[in-house]
N, C-alpha and C. Protein backbone atom coordinates (compact mmCIF):
# COMPACT_ATOMS: atom_id res chain seq x y z
N MET A 1 0.91 -1.24 0.09
CA MET A 1 0.07 0.00 0.18
C MET A 1 0.82 1.43 -0.03
N LYS A 2 1.94 1.12 0.91
CA LYS A 2 2.56 2.43 1.01
C LYS A 2 3.40 2.71 -0.42
N SER A 3 3.77 1.68 -0.96
CA SER A 3 4.68 1.86 -2.36
C SER A 3 3.68 2.30 -3.27
N SER A 4 2.57 1.90 -3.33
CA SER A 4 1.45 2.39 -4.33
C SER A 4 1.08 3.73 -4.05
N VAL A 5 0.89 4.32 -2.89
CA VAL A 5 0.75 5.69 -2.78
C VAL A 5 1.96 6.64 -3.16
N LEU A 6 3.23 5.98 -2.88
CA LEU A 6 4.58 6.81 -3.12
C LEU A 6 4.50 6.75 -4.62
N SER A 7 4.21 5.69 -5.34
CA SER A 7 4.40 5.65 -6.86
C SER A 7 3.25 6.52 -7.48
N LEU A 8 2.03 6.64 -6.83
CA LEU A 8 1.11 7.62 -7.52
C LEU A 8 1.56 9.21 -7.32
N TRP A 9 2.29 9.21 -6.05
CA TRP A 9 2.66 10.54 -5.66
C TRP A 9 3.75 10.87 -6.82
N PHE A 10 4.64 10.19 -7.18
CA PHE A 10 5.80 10.36 -8.06
C PHE A 10 5.09 10.47 -9.47
N VAL A 11 4.05 9.77 -9.96
CA VAL A 11 3.77 9.94 -11.20
C VAL A 11 2.72 11.28 -11.41
N SER A 12 2.03 11.52 -10.32
CA SER A 12 1.37 12.93 -10.34
C SER A 12 2.18 13.99 -10.33
N THR A 13 3.38 13.87 -9.63
CA THR A 13 4.51 14.98 -9.55
C THR A 13 5.00 15.08 -10.83
N LEU A 14 5.38 14.10 -11.55
CA LEU A 14 6.06 14.27 -12.69
C LEU A 14 5.12 14.77 -13.83
N ALA A 15 3.82 14.44 -13.92
CA ALA A 15 2.78 14.85 -14.72
C ALA A 15 2.73 16.35 -14.48
N CYS A 16 2.65 16.81 -13.58
CA CYS A 16 2.89 18.29 -13.04
C CYS A 16 4.00 19.14 -13.63
N ALA A 17 4.92 18.28 -13.37
CA ALA A 17 6.18 19.03 -13.81
C ALA A 17 6.51 19.03 -15.16
N GLN A 18 5.93 18.10 -16.10
CA GLN A 18 5.74 18.16 -17.47
C GLN A 18 4.83 19.06 -18.02
N SER A 19 3.88 19.72 -17.35
CA SER A 19 2.82 20.48 -17.93
C SER A 19 3.38 21.93 -17.95
N VAL A 20 4.28 22.20 -17.22
CA VAL A 20 4.78 23.53 -16.92
C VAL A 20 5.78 23.88 -18.33
N PRO A 21 5.42 24.90 -19.27
CA PRO A 21 6.31 24.93 -20.37
C PRO A 21 7.66 25.60 -19.99
N THR A 22 8.50 25.24 -20.49
CA THR A 22 9.84 25.84 -20.27
C THR A 22 10.75 26.13 -21.59
N GLU A 23 9.90 26.10 -22.60
CA GLU A 23 10.50 26.55 -24.00
C GLU A 23 9.56 27.50 -24.76
N PHE A 24 10.02 28.54 -25.25
CA PHE A 24 9.32 29.40 -25.93
C PHE A 24 8.61 28.69 -27.41
N PRO A 25 7.40 29.36 -27.73
CA PRO A 25 6.96 28.68 -28.81
C PRO A 25 7.89 28.71 -29.92
N GLN A 26 7.73 27.69 -30.77
CA GLN A 26 8.80 27.72 -31.93
C GLN A 26 8.96 28.93 -32.77
N GLN A 27 7.81 29.71 -33.01
CA GLN A 27 7.94 30.85 -33.84
C GLN A 27 8.25 32.18 -33.15
N ALA A 28 8.32 31.90 -31.80
CA ALA A 28 8.51 33.28 -30.93
C ALA A 28 9.95 33.59 -31.40
N ALA A 29 10.05 34.85 -31.34
CA ALA A 29 11.39 35.64 -31.72
C ALA A 29 11.76 36.68 -30.69
N PRO A 30 13.04 36.90 -30.33
CA PRO A 30 13.47 37.98 -29.72
C PRO A 30 12.98 39.38 -30.14
N MET A 31 12.98 40.34 -29.10
CA MET A 31 12.38 41.63 -29.68
C MET A 31 13.63 42.66 -29.56
N ALA A 32 13.59 43.60 -30.39
CA ALA A 32 14.39 44.71 -30.42
C ALA A 32 14.16 45.59 -29.13
N PRO A 33 15.10 46.15 -28.37
CA PRO A 33 14.73 46.61 -27.24
C PRO A 33 13.81 47.85 -27.12
N GLN A 34 13.81 48.61 -28.31
CA GLN A 34 12.79 49.79 -28.69
C GLN A 34 11.48 49.11 -28.78
N ALA A 35 11.25 48.03 -29.59
CA ALA A 35 9.99 47.35 -29.74
C ALA A 35 9.58 46.72 -28.50
N LEU A 36 10.47 46.09 -27.51
CA LEU A 36 9.88 45.61 -26.48
C LEU A 36 9.61 46.53 -25.25
N THR A 37 9.97 47.91 -25.43
CA THR A 37 9.85 49.16 -24.52
C THR A 37 8.36 49.41 -24.93
N ALA A 38 8.15 49.68 -26.14
CA ALA A 38 6.89 50.15 -26.93
C ALA A 38 5.76 49.01 -26.44
N ALA A 39 5.99 47.85 -26.59
CA ALA A 39 4.93 46.90 -26.31
C ALA A 39 4.56 46.75 -24.76
N LEU A 40 5.35 47.38 -23.90
CA LEU A 40 5.13 47.30 -22.57
C LEU A 40 4.73 48.61 -21.90
N ALA A 41 5.26 49.62 -22.42
CA ALA A 41 5.01 51.04 -21.81
C ALA A 41 3.41 51.29 -21.93
N GLY A 42 3.02 51.66 -20.67
CA GLY A 42 1.33 52.19 -20.82
C GLY A 42 0.31 51.10 -20.89
N LYS A 43 0.82 50.00 -20.64
CA LYS A 43 -0.10 48.83 -21.00
C LYS A 43 -0.18 48.06 -19.53
N VAL A 44 -1.42 47.44 -19.61
CA VAL A 44 -1.54 46.32 -18.44
C VAL A 44 -1.53 44.82 -19.07
N TYR A 45 -0.81 43.96 -18.37
CA TYR A 45 -0.81 42.58 -18.92
C TYR A 45 -1.39 41.82 -17.98
N SER A 46 -1.91 40.46 -18.60
CA SER A 46 -2.47 39.54 -17.35
C SER A 46 -1.51 38.28 -17.71
N VAL A 47 -1.14 37.55 -16.53
CA VAL A 47 -0.35 36.25 -16.82
C VAL A 47 -0.92 35.16 -16.10
N LYS A 48 -1.18 34.06 -16.67
CA LYS A 48 -1.69 32.94 -15.89
C LYS A 48 -0.58 31.97 -16.11
N PRO A 49 0.04 31.81 -14.81
CA PRO A 49 1.16 30.66 -14.71
C PRO A 49 0.61 29.44 -14.44
N ALA A 50 1.55 28.47 -14.63
CA ALA A 50 0.94 26.90 -14.40
C ALA A 50 0.24 26.68 -12.95
N LYS A 51 0.90 27.33 -11.90
CA LYS A 51 0.62 27.04 -10.53
C LYS A 51 0.52 28.46 -10.02
N GLY A 52 -0.58 28.74 -9.02
CA GLY A 52 -0.75 29.78 -8.55
C GLY A 52 -1.79 30.76 -9.12
N PRO A 53 -1.88 32.02 -8.30
CA PRO A 53 -3.04 32.74 -8.94
C PRO A 53 -2.63 33.70 -10.30
N ASP A 54 -3.45 34.23 -10.75
CA ASP A 54 -3.18 35.11 -12.20
C ASP A 54 -2.34 36.40 -11.57
N TRP A 55 -1.40 37.00 -12.43
CA TRP A 55 -1.01 38.27 -12.30
C TRP A 55 -1.61 39.24 -12.99
N ARG A 56 -1.54 40.59 -12.38
CA ARG A 56 -1.99 41.90 -13.32
C ARG A 56 -0.66 42.55 -13.26
N TRP A 57 -0.20 42.82 -14.14
CA TRP A 57 1.11 43.55 -14.36
C TRP A 57 1.16 44.82 -15.17
N GLN A 58 1.12 46.15 -14.39
CA GLN A 58 0.85 47.57 -15.15
C GLN A 58 2.55 47.77 -15.18
N PHE A 59 2.76 48.41 -16.60
CA PHE A 59 3.97 48.99 -16.95
C PHE A 59 3.68 50.47 -17.23
N LYS A 60 4.35 51.44 -16.38
CA LYS A 60 3.96 52.92 -16.83
C LYS A 60 4.98 53.22 -17.65
N ALA A 61 4.49 54.20 -18.19
CA ALA A 61 5.71 54.71 -19.29
C ALA A 61 6.65 55.26 -18.66
N ASP A 62 6.75 55.74 -17.43
CA ASP A 62 7.90 56.30 -16.75
C ASP A 62 8.92 55.56 -16.21
N GLY A 63 8.57 54.18 -16.27
CA GLY A 63 9.53 53.15 -16.01
C GLY A 63 9.17 52.45 -14.67
N TYR A 64 8.05 52.56 -14.07
CA TYR A 64 7.55 52.09 -12.93
C TYR A 64 6.70 51.20 -13.31
N PHE A 65 6.53 49.91 -12.24
CA PHE A 65 5.46 48.94 -12.50
C PHE A 65 4.72 48.60 -11.31
N PHE A 66 3.52 48.15 -11.38
CA PHE A 66 2.63 47.85 -10.53
C PHE A 66 2.09 46.15 -10.73
N ILE A 67 2.35 45.42 -9.70
CA ILE A 67 2.03 43.98 -9.94
C ILE A 67 1.03 43.59 -8.85
N ASN A 68 -0.01 42.64 -9.30
CA ASN A 68 -0.91 42.16 -8.27
C ASN A 68 -0.98 40.56 -8.41
N VAL A 69 -0.80 39.86 -7.51
CA VAL A 69 -0.63 38.33 -7.49
C VAL A 69 -1.60 37.81 -6.35
N GLY A 70 -2.88 37.48 -6.63
CA GLY A 70 -3.59 37.27 -5.61
C GLY A 70 -3.57 38.21 -4.65
N ASN A 71 -3.36 38.01 -3.13
CA ASN A 71 -3.11 39.16 -2.23
C ASN A 71 -2.11 39.78 -2.16
N PHE A 72 -0.98 39.48 -3.09
CA PHE A 72 0.36 40.19 -2.87
C PHE A 72 0.23 41.24 -3.95
N SER A 73 1.03 42.42 -3.59
CA SER A 73 1.03 43.35 -4.63
C SER A 73 2.54 44.14 -4.48
N ASP A 74 3.20 44.43 -5.38
CA ASP A 74 4.34 45.27 -5.32
C ASP A 74 4.55 46.39 -6.56
N SER A 75 5.68 47.11 -6.27
CA SER A 75 5.77 48.12 -7.19
C SER A 75 7.44 48.40 -7.21
N GLY A 76 7.82 49.01 -8.51
CA GLY A 76 9.07 49.21 -8.58
C GLY A 76 9.43 49.65 -9.86
N LYS A 77 10.64 49.59 -10.42
CA LYS A 77 11.19 50.12 -11.60
C LYS A 77 11.34 48.96 -12.58
N TRP A 78 11.26 49.25 -13.94
CA TRP A 78 11.31 48.30 -14.99
C TRP A 78 12.14 49.07 -15.97
N SER A 79 12.85 48.15 -16.92
CA SER A 79 13.47 48.75 -18.03
C SER A 79 13.74 47.56 -18.97
N VAL A 80 14.37 47.95 -20.12
CA VAL A 80 14.61 46.81 -21.19
C VAL A 80 16.03 46.76 -21.38
N LYS A 81 16.73 45.57 -21.35
CA LYS A 81 18.08 45.41 -21.75
C LYS A 81 18.15 44.16 -22.74
N ASP A 82 18.56 44.56 -24.06
CA ASP A 82 18.46 43.72 -24.93
C ASP A 82 17.08 43.29 -25.35
N SER A 83 16.84 41.82 -25.27
CA SER A 83 15.43 41.48 -25.58
C SER A 83 14.74 41.03 -24.08
N ALA A 84 15.26 41.54 -22.98
CA ALA A 84 14.82 41.13 -21.68
C ALA A 84 14.08 42.29 -20.89
N LEU A 85 13.19 41.74 -20.12
CA LEU A 85 12.43 42.89 -19.26
C LEU A 85 13.14 42.76 -17.89
N CYS A 86 13.66 43.76 -17.46
CA CYS A 86 14.40 43.89 -15.99
C CYS A 86 13.45 44.72 -15.14
N SER A 87 13.29 44.02 -14.06
CA SER A 87 12.47 44.80 -12.94
C SER A 87 13.00 44.48 -11.53
N GLU A 88 12.69 45.37 -10.74
CA GLU A 88 13.12 45.36 -9.30
C GLU A 88 12.15 45.99 -8.51
N GLY A 89 11.56 45.29 -7.64
CA GLY A 89 10.34 45.77 -6.79
C GLY A 89 10.94 46.07 -5.45
N ARG A 90 10.03 46.61 -4.70
CA ARG A 90 10.05 46.54 -3.29
C ARG A 90 10.53 45.43 -2.47
N TYR A 91 9.72 44.36 -2.96
CA TYR A 91 9.78 43.14 -2.43
C TYR A 91 10.41 42.04 -3.34
N ILE A 92 10.02 42.13 -4.64
CA ILE A 92 10.67 41.39 -5.61
C ILE A 92 12.04 41.62 -5.95
N LYS A 93 12.94 40.58 -5.88
CA LYS A 93 14.45 40.85 -6.21
C LYS A 93 14.36 41.38 -7.61
N ALA A 94 15.71 42.00 -7.81
CA ALA A 94 15.97 42.43 -9.22
C ALA A 94 16.22 41.13 -9.95
N SER A 95 15.69 41.42 -11.39
CA SER A 95 15.74 40.11 -12.29
C SER A 95 15.71 40.76 -13.65
N CYS A 96 16.17 40.05 -14.66
CA CYS A 96 16.13 40.28 -16.12
C CYS A 96 15.60 39.11 -16.77
N ASN A 97 14.42 38.89 -17.47
CA ASN A 97 13.76 37.88 -17.91
C ASN A 97 13.66 37.80 -19.69
N GLU A 98 14.03 37.02 -20.30
CA GLU A 98 13.85 37.09 -21.76
C GLU A 98 12.41 37.25 -22.01
N VAL A 99 12.22 38.14 -23.13
CA VAL A 99 10.96 38.06 -23.54
C VAL A 99 10.87 37.79 -25.13
N ARG A 100 10.03 37.30 -25.61
CA ARG A 100 9.91 37.00 -27.14
C ARG A 100 8.30 37.09 -27.56
N VAL A 101 8.24 37.46 -28.78
CA VAL A 101 7.05 37.70 -29.51
C VAL A 101 6.49 36.70 -30.77
N ASP A 102 5.24 36.43 -30.56
CA ASP A 102 4.68 35.53 -31.68
C ASP A 102 3.51 36.03 -31.91
N GLY A 103 3.72 36.80 -33.24
CA GLY A 103 2.52 37.65 -33.75
C GLY A 103 2.22 38.96 -32.70
N HIS A 104 1.17 38.84 -31.85
CA HIS A 104 0.71 39.90 -30.78
C HIS A 104 1.01 39.35 -29.68
N ASP A 105 1.49 38.16 -29.41
CA ASP A 105 1.82 37.50 -28.08
C ASP A 105 2.84 37.75 -27.59
N LEU A 106 3.05 38.17 -26.41
CA LEU A 106 4.42 38.28 -25.65
C LEU A 106 4.53 37.06 -24.77
N TYR A 107 5.77 36.42 -24.73
CA TYR A 107 6.01 35.25 -23.77
C TYR A 107 7.39 35.73 -22.98
N LEU A 108 7.17 35.44 -21.70
CA LEU A 108 8.34 35.58 -20.63
C LEU A 108 8.87 34.30 -20.19
N LYS A 109 10.22 34.35 -20.17
CA LYS A 109 10.68 33.30 -19.20
C LYS A 109 10.94 33.68 -17.73
N ARG A 110 10.36 32.94 -16.98
CA ARG A 110 10.47 33.33 -15.55
C ARG A 110 11.61 32.89 -14.92
N ASP A 111 12.23 33.51 -13.67
CA ASP A 111 13.31 32.78 -13.15
C ASP A 111 13.32 31.23 -12.78
N SER A 112 11.99 30.82 -12.56
CA SER A 112 11.72 29.27 -12.50
C SER A 112 12.13 28.68 -13.70
N GLY A 113 12.22 29.29 -14.87
CA GLY A 113 12.19 28.44 -16.12
C GLY A 113 11.03 28.48 -16.90
N GLU A 114 9.86 28.60 -16.24
CA GLU A 114 8.64 28.56 -16.66
C GLU A 114 8.42 29.57 -18.00
N VAL A 115 7.84 29.44 -19.08
CA VAL A 115 7.54 30.36 -19.98
C VAL A 115 6.09 30.80 -19.85
N VAL A 116 5.70 31.84 -19.89
CA VAL A 116 4.10 32.32 -19.56
C VAL A 116 3.91 33.45 -20.72
N LYS A 117 2.68 33.36 -21.06
CA LYS A 117 2.06 34.28 -21.93
C LYS A 117 1.67 35.44 -21.33
N MET A 118 2.08 36.56 -21.81
CA MET A 118 1.59 37.95 -21.41
C MET A 118 0.37 38.32 -22.18
N THR A 119 -0.82 38.43 -21.65
CA THR A 119 -2.06 38.92 -22.64
C THR A 119 -2.32 40.41 -22.00
N VAL A 120 -2.16 41.42 -23.02
CA VAL A 120 -2.44 42.77 -22.86
C VAL A 120 -3.95 42.70 -22.65
N GLN A 121 -4.41 43.67 -21.61
CA GLN A 121 -5.78 43.64 -21.09
C GLN A 121 -6.37 44.98 -21.89
């Protein structure tokens, strides 16, 4: 009985781990810094990670961001370096994350390795 419960846990954990996308869509391409800045500035995006609550991420044109994730919220500065979004909040550590575009869709690779779609609201 104990081994069957352990086997079930392992299989379900493996299935969950495999459902988290870690690669960009095949057609997604890096963006020029100016294009990425224009795609973010003055807009609000929603993000649905594989686990946890959805995000609401607002990028002000003056280089500040506001993020809401469930009951958590933070704000700080954002910028673009090459094809990466760099941000540093009051609580969220400084990070630069690669962003790619596929048509009108933006995809961000999180620090965890998960690739998430950013949908403009």
